[in-house]
Amino acid sequence: MITLPPPPPPRRTLGNYAMQQGPRHFSSIAMSATTRHVEMRASFLNLISANQFTGMDNEDTYSHLATFYELVGTMGFEEGDIEYAYLYLFPFSLTGKAKEWLKSYPNQSLTSWNDVEEKFLHRFFSLSRFIKAKSNISTFRQGSDEAFCDTWECFKVMLRRCPNHGLEDIAQLTIFHNGLRPNTKIILDTAAGGTMMDVDVEQAIRIIDALASTDYRAQHDRQVVQKKRMLDLSTSDALLAQNKFLTQQMEAITKQLSKLPQQLQAVQSFPNQGQTMKCDFCGGDHSNGQCSYQANPSQEEVQYMGNQDRQGGFSENYQNNASQ
């Protein structure tokens, strides 16, 4: 039997070297097998994409996972399909640096949801972040002006951000009690009927929750009263400003009215001042019959006749010249 030599490898050019040789569809996550077709609606993708994790240091890793679980839980997947849904939808919950981290794994290398979750927490909730979060819990202190209800809520948020703190309930309550201000401890001891050190975990939580609820209502009522006072003050300021504005308008109107008689008098005297008076008898700047001196009759007659002679002479000369 003659054995044929293997065919030569395909010829590769420089252009082939620059082209992509891997799969066209790259995904670090290998989808698990399902017993039936699982429908992925566009609304599911939009809902997950609206709550994305970017991988920044100020983001809460465990909070992102908790939100992701809540959203997927509302989509109605059956129990046998839930892991498939986690693997399919989780890449849509990442963006930026976190999305680049997921792509750094080889194609189809993450084969289970536990593997994806473990590597996600290892990358974005590192040992240094864990140590810092647990240190914040151990050194917890109530703020100088912080209300008790806010203090209790802040402490529970710290515990949620580091769920692997490893502290038992009794250790958590001890840390919380030691971090309170002295006057707050006195109130808790009074509510416990002596001291909080003599009650068990369940009773201590009931006392703290009851006191926090009472303090929350008191804070709410205080804020309502403050807002009402601010509203009343704002209304009063607005009325004062409006009254001041109206008063200024009335003063301006009164000032204008006080000038009205002078303006009317000026308007009435304006025509007389503009009219030039001239006496027809003596030619002076006064009305007829208001001469300031008494001219003798002979002089008046002479002056009048002289004027007539001048006018008549002019008329006669004009007629004689016209006849010639």
Foldseek 3Di string as FASTA:
>chain_A
DDDDDDDDDDDDDPVNVPDDPDDPDFFLADADDAPDDDDDDPVLLVVLLVQADELDLPDQLLVSVVVVVVSLVVPDDDPRCSFNVCRVRVLSRYDHPLNVVRRVHGGNNHYTPVSVVVVSCCRRCPPVNLVVLLVCQQQPAADPPHFLLVSVVVNVVSCSSRVPSPDDLVRSVVSSLVRYDPVVQVVLCVLVVHHPVPDDSVVSVVSSVVVSVVRVVVVVVVVVVVVVVVVVVVVVVVVVVVVVVVVVVVVVVVVVVVCVVVVVVCVVCVVVVVDFAAEPQPRDRDYHPPDPDDDDPVVSVVVVVVVVVVVVVVVVVVVVVVVD
